[in-house]
Amino acid sequence: MRFGTSEGMILAAGDDDIGIFVISPDAGAKPGMQVR
């Protein structure tokens, strides 16, 4: 990272009409698992 250490990420989607949805992991997801 250019600015320093990354402590995490947020996955979100949206548009101007509906707004923003924060996407949350399913039960059983563990830190470090690959997003597919």
PDB file of N, CA and C in Angstrom:
ATOM      1  N   MET A   1       0.841  -1.165   0.000  1.00  0.00           N
ATOM      2  CA  MET A   1       0.000   0.000   0.000  1.00  0.00           C
ATOM      3  C   MET A   1       0.894   1.238   0.000  1.00  0.00           C
ATOM      4  N   ARG A   2       0.538   2.204  -0.764  1.00  0.00           N
ATOM      5  CA  ARG A   2       1.326   3.436  -0.847  1.00  0.00           C
ATOM      6  C   ARG A   2       1.245   4.279   0.416  1.00  0.00           C
ATOM      7  N   PHE A   3       0.103   4.232   1.085  1.00  0.00           N
ATOM      8  CA  PHE A   3      -0.127   5.136   2.205  1.00  0.00           C
ATOM      9  C   PHE A   3       0.196   4.517   3.554  1.00  0.00           C
ATOM     10  N   GLY A   4       0.371   3.220   3.636  1.00  0.00           N
ATOM     11  CA  GLY A   4       0.644   2.577   4.916  1.00  0.00           C
ATOM     12  C   GLY A   4       0.030   1.196   4.983  1.00  0.00           C
ATOM     13  N   THR A   5      -0.285   0.759   6.163  1.00  0.00           N
ATOM     14  CA  THR A   5      -0.828  -0.578   6.380  1.00  0.00           C
ATOM     15  C   THR A   5      -2.342  -0.579   6.199  1.00  0.00           C
ATOM     16  N   SER A   6      -2.833  -1.569   5.473  1.00  0.00           N
ATOM     17  CA  SER A   6      -4.278  -1.735   5.307  1.00  0.00           C
ATOM     18  C   SER A   6      -4.812  -2.576   6.461  1.00  0.00           C
ATOM     19  N   GLU A   7      -5.849  -2.105   7.125  1.00  0.00           N
ATOM     20  CA  GLU A   7      -6.444  -2.818   8.250  1.00  0.00           C
ATOM     21  C   GLU A   7      -7.721  -3.553   7.865  1.00  0.00           C
ATOM     22  N   GLY A   8      -8.195  -3.390   6.632  1.00  0.00           N
ATOM     23  CA  GLY A   8      -9.416  -4.078   6.214  1.00  0.00           C
ATOM     24  C   GLY A   8     -10.022  -3.437   4.989  1.00  0.00           C
ATOM     25  N   MET A   9     -11.080  -4.062   4.481  1.00  0.00           N
ATOM     26  CA  MET A   9     -11.774  -3.565   3.298  1.00  0.00           C
ATOM     27  C   MET A   9     -13.277  -3.662   3.517  1.00  0.00           C
ATOM     28  N   ILE A  10     -14.003  -2.841   2.788  1.00  0.00           N
ATOM     29  CA  ILE A  10     -15.463  -2.896   2.781  1.00  0.00           C
ATOM     30  C   ILE A  10     -15.892  -3.148   1.343  1.00  0.00           C
ATOM     31  N   LEU A  11     -16.758  -4.130   1.136  1.00  0.00           N
ATOM     32  CA  LEU A  11     -17.292  -4.431  -0.184  1.00  0.00           C
ATOM     33  C   LEU A  11     -18.691  -3.845  -0.258  1.00  0.00           C
ATOM     34  N   ALA A  12     -18.919  -2.957  -1.225  1.00  0.00           N
ATOM     35  CA  ALA A  12     -20.210  -2.286  -1.344  1.00  0.00           C
ATOM     36  C   ALA A  12     -20.558  -2.086  -2.813  1.00  0.00           C
ATOM     37  N   ALA A  13     -21.844  -1.885  -3.084  1.00  0.00           N
ATOM     38  CA  ALA A  13     -22.324  -1.631  -4.435  1.00  0.00           C
ATOM     39  C   ALA A  13     -23.492  -0.662  -4.363  1.00  0.00           C
ATOM     40  N   GLY A  14     -23.759   0.031  -5.471  1.00  0.00           N
ATOM     41  CA  GLY A  14     -24.903   0.928  -5.486  1.00  0.00           C
ATOM     42  C   GLY A  14     -24.921   1.814  -6.709  1.00  0.00           C
ATOM     43  N   ASP A  15     -25.933   2.683  -6.763  1.00  0.00           N
ATOM     44  CA  ASP A  15     -26.035   3.660  -7.839  1.00  0.00           C
ATOM     45  C   ASP A  15     -26.727   4.917  -7.312  1.00  0.00           C
ATOM     46  N   ASP A  16     -26.918   5.898  -8.174  1.00  0.00           N
ATOM     47  CA  ASP A  16     -27.498   7.176  -7.760  1.00  0.00           C
ATOM     48  C   ASP A  16     -28.967   7.066  -7.352  1.00  0.00           C
ATOM     49  N   ASP A  17     -29.721   6.142  -7.973  1.00  0.00           N
ATOM     50  CA  ASP A  17     -31.155   6.026  -7.694  1.00  0.00           C
ATOM     51  C   ASP A  17     -31.460   5.268  -6.400  1.00  0.00           C
ATOM     52  N   ILE A  18     -30.735   4.201  -6.162  1.00  0.00           N
ATOM     53  CA  ILE A  18     -31.046   3.327  -5.027  1.00  0.00           C
ATOM     54  C   ILE A  18     -30.212   3.654  -3.791  1.00  0.00           C
ATOM     55  N   GLY A  19     -28.967   3.992  -3.975  1.00  0.00           N
ATOM     56  CA  GLY A  19     -28.075   4.256  -2.846  1.00  0.00           C
ATOM     57  C   GLY A  19     -26.982   3.210  -2.761  1.00  0.00           C
ATOM     58  N   ILE A  20     -26.429   3.046  -1.583  1.00  0.00           N
ATOM     59  CA  ILE A  20     -25.301   2.139  -1.388  1.00  0.00           C
ATOM     60  C   ILE A  20     -25.720   0.969  -0.507  1.00  0.00           C
ATOM     61  N   PHE A  21     -25.309  -0.226  -0.901  1.00  0.00           N
ATOM     62  CA  PHE A  21     -25.521  -1.442  -0.127  1.00  0.00           C
ATOM     63  C   PHE A  21     -24.167  -1.964   0.316  1.00  0.00           C
ATOM     64  N   VAL A  22     -23.992  -2.158   1.612  1.00  0.00           N
ATOM     65  CA  VAL A  22     -22.774  -2.778   2.129  1.00  0.00           C
ATOM     66  C   VAL A  22     -23.008  -4.282   2.111  1.00  0.00           C
ATOM     67  N   ILE A  23     -22.106  -5.005   1.475  1.00  0.00           N
ATOM     68  CA  ILE A  23     -22.247  -6.449   1.327  1.00  0.00           C
ATOM     69  C   ILE A  23     -21.543  -7.129   2.497  1.00  0.00           C
ATOM     70  N   SER A  24     -22.263  -8.004   3.190  1.00  0.00           N
ATOM     71  CA  SER A  24     -21.689  -8.684   4.357  1.00  0.00           C
ATOM     72  C   SER A  24     -21.452 -10.161   4.040  1.00  0.00           C
ATOM     73  N   PRO A  25     -20.468 -10.772   4.682  1.00  0.00           N
ATOM     74  CA  PRO A  25     -20.154 -12.176   4.405  1.00  0.00           C
ATOM     75  C   PRO A  25     -21.196 -13.127   5.001  1.00  0.00           C
ATOM     76  N   ASP A  26     -21.298 -14.305   4.411  1.00  0.00           N
ATOM     77  CA  ASP A  26     -22.169 -15.351   4.940  1.00  0.00           C
ATOM     78  C   ASP A  26     -21.590 -15.899   6.241  1.00  0.00           C
ATOM     79  N   ALA A  27     -22.435 -16.544   7.016  1.00  0.00           N
ATOM     80  CA  ALA A  27     -21.969 -17.199   8.245  1.00  0.00           C
ATOM     81  C   ALA A  27     -20.907 -18.234   7.880  1.00  0.00           C
ATOM     82  N   GLY A  28     -19.870 -18.322   8.665  1.00  0.00           N
ATOM     83  CA  GLY A  28     -18.797 -19.282   8.404  1.00  0.00           C
ATOM     84  C   GLY A  28     -17.616 -18.690   7.659  1.00  0.00           C
ATOM     85  N   ALA A  29     -17.771 -17.484   7.110  1.00  0.00           N
ATOM     86  CA  ALA A  29     -16.648 -16.834   6.430  1.00  0.00           C
ATOM     87  C   ALA A  29     -15.586 -16.472   7.456  1.00  0.00           C
ATOM     88  N   LYS A  30     -14.315 -16.657   7.075  1.00  0.00           N
ATOM     89  CA  LYS A  30     -13.214 -16.396   7.992  1.00  0.00           C
ATOM     90  C   LYS A  30     -12.279 -15.347   7.407  1.00  0.00           C
ATOM     91  N   PRO A  31     -11.612 -14.567   8.261  1.00  0.00           N
ATOM     92  CA  PRO A  31     -10.640 -13.580   7.773  1.00  0.00           C
ATOM     93  C   PRO A  31      -9.591 -14.254   6.889  1.00  0.00           C
ATOM     94  N   GLY A  32      -9.278 -13.608   5.775  1.00  0.00           N
ATOM     95  CA  GLY A  32      -8.263 -14.119   4.861  1.00  0.00           C
ATOM     96  C   GLY A  32      -8.803 -15.006   3.755  1.00  0.00           C
ATOM     97  N   MET A  33     -10.093 -15.375   3.820  1.00  0.00           N
ATOM     98  CA  MET A  33     -10.663 -16.201   2.756  1.00  0.00           C
ATOM     99  C   MET A  33     -10.727 -15.396   1.463  1.00  0.00           C
ATOM    100  N   GLN A  34     -10.626 -16.092   0.343  1.00  0.00           N
ATOM    101  CA  GLN A  34     -10.626 -15.454  -0.965  1.00  0.00           C
ATOM    102  C   GLN A  34     -12.045 -15.063  -1.381  1.00  0.00           C
ATOM    103  N   VAL A  35     -12.197 -13.864  -1.949  1.00  0.00           N
ATOM    104  CA  VAL A  35     -13.478 -13.409  -2.492  1.00  0.00           C
ATOM    105  C   VAL A  35     -13.562 -13.880  -3.931  1.00  0.00           C
ATOM    106  N   ARG A  36     -14.653 -14.543  -4.286  1.00  0.00           N
ATOM    107  CA  ARG A  36     -14.802 -15.055  -5.660  1.00  0.00           C
ATOM    108  C   ARG A  36     -16.047 -14.511  -6.287  1.00  0.00           C
TER     109      ARG A  36
END
